PDB file of all heavy atoms in Angstrom:
ATOM      1  N   ASP A   1    -128.323  73.434 -80.204  1.00  0.00           N
ATOM      2  CA  ASP A   1    -129.486  72.674 -80.725  1.00  0.00           C
ATOM      3  C   ASP A   1    -130.081  71.780 -79.644  1.00  0.00           C
ATOM      4  O   ASP A   1    -131.275  71.712 -79.451  1.00  0.00           O
ATOM      5  CB  ASP A   1    -129.104  71.843 -81.923  1.00  0.00           C
ATOM      6  CG  ASP A   1    -128.896  72.691 -83.198  1.00  0.00           C
ATOM      7  OD1 ASP A   1    -129.308  73.856 -83.187  1.00  0.00           O
ATOM      8  OD2 ASP A   1    -128.345  72.176 -84.202  1.00  0.00           O
ATOM      9  N   ARG A   2    -129.192  71.044 -78.964  1.00  0.00           N
ATOM     10  CA  ARG A   2    -129.652  70.110 -77.913  1.00  0.00           C
ATOM     11  C   ARG A   2    -130.355  70.813 -76.779  1.00  0.00           C
ATOM     12  O   ARG A   2    -131.431  70.382 -76.365  1.00  0.00           O
ATOM     13  CB  ARG A   2    -128.464  69.329 -77.387  1.00  0.00           C
ATOM     14  CG  ARG A   2    -128.810  68.275 -76.326  1.00  0.00           C
ATOM     15  CD  ARG A   2    -127.626  67.573 -75.783  1.00  0.00           C
ATOM     16  NE  ARG A   2    -126.797  68.463 -74.945  1.00  0.00           N
ATOM     17  CZ  ARG A   2    -127.082  68.868 -73.689  1.00  0.00           C
ATOM     18  NH1 ARG A   2    -128.198  68.379 -73.075  1.00  0.00           N
ATOM     19  NH2 ARG A   2    -126.296  69.647 -73.027  1.00  0.00           N
ATOM     20  N   LEU A   3    -129.794  71.927 -76.353  1.00  0.00           N
ATOM     21  CA  LEU A   3    -130.401  72.636 -75.240  1.00  0.00           C
ATOM     22  C   LEU A   3    -131.731  73.346 -75.666  1.00  0.00           C
ATOM     23  O   LEU A   3    -132.696  73.378 -74.912  1.00  0.00           O
ATOM     24  CB  LEU A   3    -129.423  73.666 -74.698  1.00  0.00           C
ATOM     25  CG  LEU A   3    -128.268  73.043 -73.929  1.00  0.00           C
ATOM     26  CD1 LEU A   3    -127.106  74.056 -73.750  1.00  0.00           C
ATOM     27  CD2 LEU A   3    -128.708  72.508 -72.572  1.00  0.00           C
ATOM     28  N   MET A   4    -131.775  73.799 -76.931  1.00  0.00           N
ATOM     29  CA  MET A   4    -133.035  74.352 -77.422  1.00  0.00           C
ATOM     30  C   MET A   4    -134.115  73.281 -77.500  1.00  0.00           C
ATOM     31  O   MET A   4    -135.312  73.515 -77.206  1.00  0.00           O
ATOM     32  CB  MET A   4    -132.858  75.046 -78.739  1.00  0.00           C
ATOM     33  CG  MET A   4    -134.106  75.835 -79.187  1.00  0.00           C
ATOM     34  SD  MET A   4    -134.556  77.152 -78.016  1.00  0.00           S
ATOM     35  CE  MET A   4    -133.236  78.334 -78.389  1.00  0.00           C
ATOM     36  N   ASP A   5    -133.724  72.080 -77.910  1.00  0.00           N
ATOM     37  CA  ASP A   5    -134.708  70.967 -77.956  1.00  0.00           C
ATOM     38  C   ASP A   5    -135.239  70.688 -76.541  1.00  0.00           C
ATOM     39  O   ASP A   5    -136.446  70.343 -76.419  1.00  0.00           O
ATOM     40  CB  ASP A   5    -134.045  69.730 -78.564  1.00  0.00           C
ATOM     41  CG  ASP A   5    -133.911  69.769 -80.050  1.00  0.00           C
ATOM     42  OD1 ASP A   5    -134.612  70.586 -80.674  1.00  0.00           O
ATOM     43  OD2 ASP A   5    -133.101  68.969 -80.613  1.00  0.00           O
ATOM     44  N   GLU A   6    -134.409  70.831 -75.564  1.00  0.00           N
ATOM     45  CA  GLU A   6    -134.870  70.617 -74.199  1.00  0.00           C
ATOM     46  C   GLU A   6    -135.881  71.695 -73.784  1.00  0.00           C
ATOM     47  O   GLU A   6    -136.866  71.449 -73.114  1.00  0.00           O
ATOM     48  CB  GLU A   6    -133.727  70.583 -73.169  1.00  0.00           C
ATOM     49  CG  GLU A   6    -134.159  70.206 -71.781  1.00  0.00           C
ATOM     50  CD  GLU A   6    -133.065  70.015 -70.776  1.00  0.00           C
ATOM     51  OE1 GLU A   6    -131.893  69.820 -71.196  1.00  0.00           O
ATOM     52  OE2 GLU A   6    -133.346  70.016 -69.552  1.00  0.00           O
ATOM     53  N   ALA A   7    -135.579  72.932 -74.194  1.00  0.00           N
ATOM     54  CA  ALA A   7    -136.500  74.038 -73.923  1.00  0.00           C
ATOM     55  C   ALA A   7    -137.851  73.830 -74.615  1.00  0.00           C
ATOM     56  O   ALA A   7    -138.883  74.064 -74.047  1.00  0.00           O
ATOM     57  CB  ALA A   7    -135.888  75.398 -74.365  1.00  0.00           C
ATOM     58  N   LEU A   8    -137.784  73.310 -75.863  1.00  0.00           N
ATOM     59  CA  LEU A   8    -139.027  73.063 -76.587  1.00  0.00           C
ATOM     60  C   LEU A   8    -139.786  71.955 -75.925  1.00  0.00           C
ATOM     61  O   LEU A   8    -141.053  71.981 -75.867  1.00  0.00           O
ATOM     62  CB  LEU A   8    -138.690  72.659 -78.002  1.00  0.00           C
ATOM     63  CG  LEU A   8    -138.320  73.803 -78.967  1.00  0.00           C
ATOM     64  CD1 LEU A   8    -137.628  73.307 -80.205  1.00  0.00           C
ATOM     65  CD2 LEU A   8    -139.610  74.584 -79.327  1.00  0.00           C
ATOM     66  N   SER A   9    -139.074  70.937 -75.413  1.00  0.00           N
ATOM     67  CA  SER A   9    -139.771  69.842 -74.731  1.00  0.00           C
ATOM     68  C   SER A   9    -140.473  70.324 -73.453  1.00  0.00           C
ATOM     69  O   SER A   9    -141.583  69.942 -73.099  1.00  0.00           O
ATOM     70  CB  SER A   9    -138.759  68.756 -74.366  1.00  0.00           C
ATOM     71  OG  SER A   9    -139.388  67.672 -73.705  1.00  0.00           O
ATOM     72  N   LEU A  10    -139.825  71.243 -72.734  1.00  0.00           N
ATOM     73  CA  LEU A  10    -140.424  71.806 -71.575  1.00  0.00           C
ATOM     74  C   LEU A  10    -141.696  72.587 -71.935  1.00  0.00           C
ATOM     75  O   LEU A  10    -142.715  72.505 -71.264  1.00  0.00           O
ATOM     76  CB  LEU A  10    -139.438  72.757 -70.885  1.00  0.00           C
ATOM     77  CG  LEU A  10    -138.440  72.193 -69.922  1.00  0.00           C
ATOM     78  CD1 LEU A  10    -137.430  73.278 -69.520  1.00  0.00           C
ATOM     79  CD2 LEU A  10    -139.103  71.622 -68.684  1.00  0.00           C
ATOM     80  N   ALA A  11    -141.606  73.358 -73.011  1.00  0.00           N
ATOM     81  CA  ALA A  11    -142.783  74.144 -73.420  1.00  0.00           C
ATOM     82  C   ALA A  11    -143.986  73.302 -73.672  1.00  0.00           C
ATOM     83  O   ALA A  11    -145.106  73.654 -73.352  1.00  0.00           O
ATOM     84  CB  ALA A  11    -142.398  74.942 -74.713  1.00  0.00           C
ATOM     85  N   GLN A  12    -143.754  72.124 -74.272  1.00  0.00           N
ATOM     86  CA  GLN A  12    -144.870  71.232 -74.671  1.00  0.00           C
ATOM     87  C   GLN A  12    -145.609  70.640 -73.456  1.00  0.00           C
ATOM     88  O   GLN A  12    -146.703  70.128 -73.601  1.00  0.00           O
ATOM     89  CB  GLN A  12    -144.346  70.058 -75.562  1.00  0.00           C
ATOM     90  CG  GLN A  12    -143.986  70.498 -76.950  1.00  0.00           C
ATOM     91  CD  GLN A  12    -145.164  70.945 -77.772  1.00  0.00           C
ATOM     92  OE1 GLN A  12    -146.288  70.536 -77.522  1.00  0.00           O
ATOM     93  NE2 GLN A  12    -144.936  71.856 -78.717  1.00  0.00           N
ATOM     94  N   ARG A  13    -145.031  70.745 -72.310  1.00  0.00           N
ATOM     95  CA  ARG A  13    -145.694  70.233 -71.087  1.00  0.00           C
ATOM     96  C   ARG A  13    -146.973  70.976 -70.763  1.00  0.00           C
ATOM     97  O   ARG A  13    -147.833  70.489 -70.050  1.00  0.00           O
ATOM     98  CB  ARG A  13    -144.726  70.280 -69.922  1.00  0.00           C
ATOM     99  CG  ARG A  13    -143.586  69.258 -70.024  1.00  0.00           C
ATOM    100  CD  ARG A  13    -142.570  69.398 -68.918  1.00  0.00           C
ATOM    101  NE  ARG A  13    -143.173  69.137 -67.604  1.00  0.00           N
ATOM    102  CZ  ARG A  13    -142.490  69.125 -66.482  1.00  0.00           C
ATOM    103  NH1 ARG A  13    -141.161  69.403 -66.505  1.00  0.00           N
ATOM    104  NH2 ARG A  13    -143.052  68.835 -65.323  1.00  0.00           N
ATOM    105  N   ALA A  14    -147.115  72.203 -71.313  1.00  0.00           N
ATOM    106  CA  ALA A  14    -148.328  72.959 -71.086  1.00  0.00           C
ATOM    107  C   ALA A  14    -149.240  73.024 -72.319  1.00  0.00           C
ATOM    108  O   ALA A  14    -150.136  73.878 -72.381  1.00  0.00           O
ATOM    109  CB  ALA A  14    -147.959  74.387 -70.654  1.00  0.00           C
ATOM    110  N   ALA A  15    -149.043  72.103 -73.224  1.00  0.00           N
ATOM    111  CA  ALA A  15    -149.854  72.055 -74.458  1.00  0.00           C
ATOM    112  C   ALA A  15    -151.352  72.140 -74.125  1.00  0.00           C
ATOM    113  O   ALA A  15    -151.851  71.350 -73.334  1.00  0.00           O
ATOM    114  CB  ALA A  15    -149.569  70.844 -75.320  1.00  0.00           C
ATOM    115  N   GLY A  16    -152.067  73.047 -74.743  1.00  0.00           N
ATOM    116  CA  GLY A  16    -153.501  73.158 -74.514  1.00  0.00           C
ATOM    117  C   GLY A  16    -153.868  73.957 -73.282  1.00  0.00           C
ATOM    118  O   GLY A  16    -155.089  74.082 -72.977  1.00  0.00           O
ATOM    119  N   ARG A  17    -152.901  74.540 -72.587  1.00  0.00           N
ATOM    120  CA  ARG A  17    -153.205  75.191 -71.333  1.00  0.00           C
ATOM    121  C   ARG A  17    -152.889  76.688 -71.341  1.00  0.00           C
ATOM    122  O   ARG A  17    -153.217  77.385 -70.357  1.00  0.00           O
ATOM    123  CB  ARG A  17    -152.433  74.513 -70.161  1.00  0.00           C
ATOM    124  CG  ARG A  17    -152.696  73.018 -70.018  1.00  0.00           C
ATOM    125  CD  ARG A  17    -154.140  72.744 -69.709  1.00  0.00           C
ATOM    126  NE  ARG A  17    -154.377  71.371 -69.345  1.00  0.00           N
ATOM    127  CZ  ARG A  17    -154.671  70.393 -70.251  1.00  0.00           C
ATOM    128  NH1 ARG A  17    -154.761  70.732 -71.525  1.00  0.00           N
ATOM    129  NH2 ARG A  17    -154.947  69.174 -69.896  1.00  0.00           N
ATOM    130  N   THR A  18    -152.206  77.204 -72.342  1.00  0.00           N
ATOM    131  CA  THR A  18    -151.696  78.575 -72.235  1.00  0.00           C
ATOM    132  C   THR A  18    -152.451  79.616 -73.096  1.00  0.00           C
ATOM    133  O   THR A  18    -152.141  80.790 -72.952  1.00  0.00           O
ATOM    134  CB  THR A  18    -150.199  78.627 -72.656  1.00  0.00           C
ATOM    135  OG1 THR A  18    -150.118  78.212 -74.061  1.00  0.00           O
ATOM    136  CG2 THR A  18    -149.337  77.696 -71.819  1.00  0.00           C
ATOM    137  N   SER A  19    -153.389  79.228 -73.907  1.00  0.00           N
ATOM    138  CA  SER A  19    -154.081  80.195 -74.738  1.00  0.00           C
ATOM    139  C   SER A  19    -154.686  81.333 -73.907  1.00  0.00           C
ATOM    140  O   SER A  19    -155.204  81.094 -72.804  1.00  0.00           O
ATOM    141  CB  SER A  19    -155.225  79.506 -75.501  1.00  0.00           C
ATOM    142  OG  SER A  19    -154.726  78.670 -76.477  1.00  0.00           O
ATOM    143  N   PRO A  20    -154.618  82.586 -74.421  1.00  0.00           N
ATOM    144  CA  PRO A  20    -154.108  82.981 -75.770  1.00  0.00           C
ATOM    145  C   PRO A  20    -152.612  83.212 -75.794  1.00  0.00           C
ATOM    146  O   PRO A  20    -152.147  83.812 -76.765  1.00  0.00           O
ATOM    147  CB  PRO A  20    -154.865  84.265 -76.004  1.00  0.00           C
ATOM    148  CG  PRO A  20    -154.970  84.861 -74.621  1.00  0.00           C
ATOM    149  CD  PRO A  20    -155.188  83.696 -73.687  1.00  0.00           C
ATOM    150  N   ASN A  21    -151.892  82.743 -74.814  1.00  0.00           N
ATOM    151  CA  ASN A  21    -150.407  82.895 -74.792  1.00  0.00           C
ATOM    152  C   ASN A  21    -149.736  81.733 -75.527  1.00  0.00           C
ATOM    153  O   ASN A  21    -150.349  80.697 -75.767  1.00  0.00           O
ATOM    154  CB  ASN A  21    -149.897  82.948 -73.342  1.00  0.00           C
ATOM    155  CG  ASN A  21    -150.324  84.249 -72.647  1.00  0.00           C
ATOM    156  OD1 ASN A  21    -150.864  85.142 -73.269  1.00  0.00           O
ATOM    157  ND2 ASN A  21    -150.083  84.278 -71.319  1.00  0.00           N
ATOM    158  N   PRO A  22    -148.474  81.887 -75.864  1.00  0.00           N
ATOM    159  CA  PRO A  22    -147.732  80.811 -76.534  1.00  0.00           C
ATOM    160  C   PRO A  22    -147.223  79.784 -75.552  1.00  0.00           C
ATOM    161  O   PRO A  22    -147.252  79.954 -74.339  1.00  0.00           O
ATOM    162  CB  PRO A  22    -146.557  81.564 -77.202  1.00  0.00           C
ATOM    163  CG  PRO A  22    -146.292  82.713 -76.274  1.00  0.00           C
ATOM    164  CD  PRO A  22    -147.687  83.128 -75.756  1.00  0.00           C
ATOM    165  N   LEU A  23    -146.718  78.654 -76.127  1.00  0.00           N
ATOM    166  CA  LEU A  23    -146.012  77.651 -75.347  1.00  0.00           C
ATOM    167  C   LEU A  23    -144.515  78.092 -75.279  1.00  0.00           C
ATOM    168  O   LEU A  23    -143.918  78.282 -76.289  1.00  0.00           O
ATOM    169  CB  LEU A  23    -146.094  76.289 -76.016  1.00  0.00           C
ATOM    170  CG  LEU A  23    -147.486  75.651 -76.145  1.00  0.00           C
ATOM    171  CD1 LEU A  23    -147.435  74.439 -77.062  1.00  0.00           C
ATOM    172  CD2 LEU A  23    -148.008  75.292 -74.777  1.00  0.00           C
ATOM    173  N   VAL A  24    -144.044  78.230 -74.071  1.00  0.00           N
ATOM    174  CA  VAL A  24    -142.660  78.686 -73.917  1.00  0.00           C
ATOM    175  C   VAL A  24    -141.965  77.842 -72.804  1.00  0.00           C
ATOM    176  O   VAL A  24    -142.494  77.633 -71.722  1.00  0.00           O
ATOM    177  CB  VAL A  24    -142.616  80.171 -73.490  1.00  0.00           C
ATOM    178  CG1 VAL A  24    -141.136  80.636 -73.432  1.00  0.00           C
ATOM    179  CG2 VAL A  24    -143.334  81.021 -74.489  1.00  0.00           C
ATOM    180  N   GLY A  25    -140.749  77.401 -73.148  1.00  0.00           N
ATOM    181  CA  GLY A  25    -139.880  76.758 -72.190  1.00  0.00           C
ATOM    182  C   GLY A  25    -138.526  77.468 -72.143  1.00  0.00           C
ATOM    183  O   GLY A  25    -138.122  78.031 -73.173  1.00  0.00           O
ATOM    184  N   ALA A  26    -137.892  77.430 -70.990  1.00  0.00           N
ATOM    185  CA  ALA A  26    -136.606  78.160 -70.830  1.00  0.00           C
ATOM    186  C   ALA A  26    -135.653  77.377 -69.987  1.00  0.00           C
ATOM    187  O   ALA A  26    -136.045  76.684 -69.023  1.00  0.00           O
ATOM    188  CB  ALA A  26    -136.865  79.555 -70.288  1.00  0.00           C
ATOM    189  N   LEU A  27    -134.391  77.477 -70.302  1.00  0.00           N
ATOM    190  CA  LEU A  27    -133.281  76.896 -69.505  1.00  0.00           C
ATOM    191  C   LEU A  27    -132.289  78.004 -69.175  1.00  0.00           C
ATOM    192  O   LEU A  27    -132.031  78.883 -69.983  1.00  0.00           O
ATOM    193  CB  LEU A  27    -132.553  75.844 -70.280  1.00  0.00           C
ATOM    194  CG  LEU A  27    -133.293  74.612 -70.897  1.00  0.00           C
ATOM    195  CD1 LEU A  27    -132.343  73.790 -71.684  1.00  0.00           C
ATOM    196  CD2 LEU A  27    -133.929  73.813 -69.771  1.00  0.00           C
ATOM    197  N   VAL A  28    -131.698  77.934 -67.990  1.00  0.00           N
ATOM    198  CA  VAL A  28    -130.544  78.724 -67.642  1.00  0.00           C
ATOM    199  C   VAL A  28    -129.331  77.799 -67.522  1.00  0.00           C
ATOM    200  O   VAL A  28    -129.416  76.792 -66.748  1.00  0.00           O
ATOM    201  CB  VAL A  28    -130.781  79.481 -66.299  1.00  0.00           C
ATOM    202  CG1 VAL A  28    -129.545  80.290 -65.932  1.00  0.00           C
ATOM    203  CG2 VAL A  28    -131.987  80.406 -66.439  1.00  0.00           C
ATOM    204  N   VAL A  29    -128.304  78.074 -68.257  1.00  0.00           N
ATOM    205  CA  VAL A  29    -127.139  77.202 -68.340  1.00  0.00           C
ATOM    206  C   VAL A  29    -125.896  77.953 -67.863  1.00  0.00           C
ATOM    207  O   VAL A  29    -125.580  79.000 -68.435  1.00  0.00           O
ATOM    208  CB  VAL A  29    -126.946  76.671 -69.761  1.00  0.00           C
ATOM    209  CG1 VAL A  29    -125.736  75.730 -69.838  1.00  0.00           C
ATOM    210  CG2 VAL A  29    -128.184  75.920 -70.219  1.00  0.00           C
TER     211      VAL A  29
END
């Protein structure tokens, strides 16, 4: 859960910039 929340937080850094694509964040652990 914690690591997915970090991925979601990363994704939000591009809010409003990715259309028509989604907001996506990824971590390698």
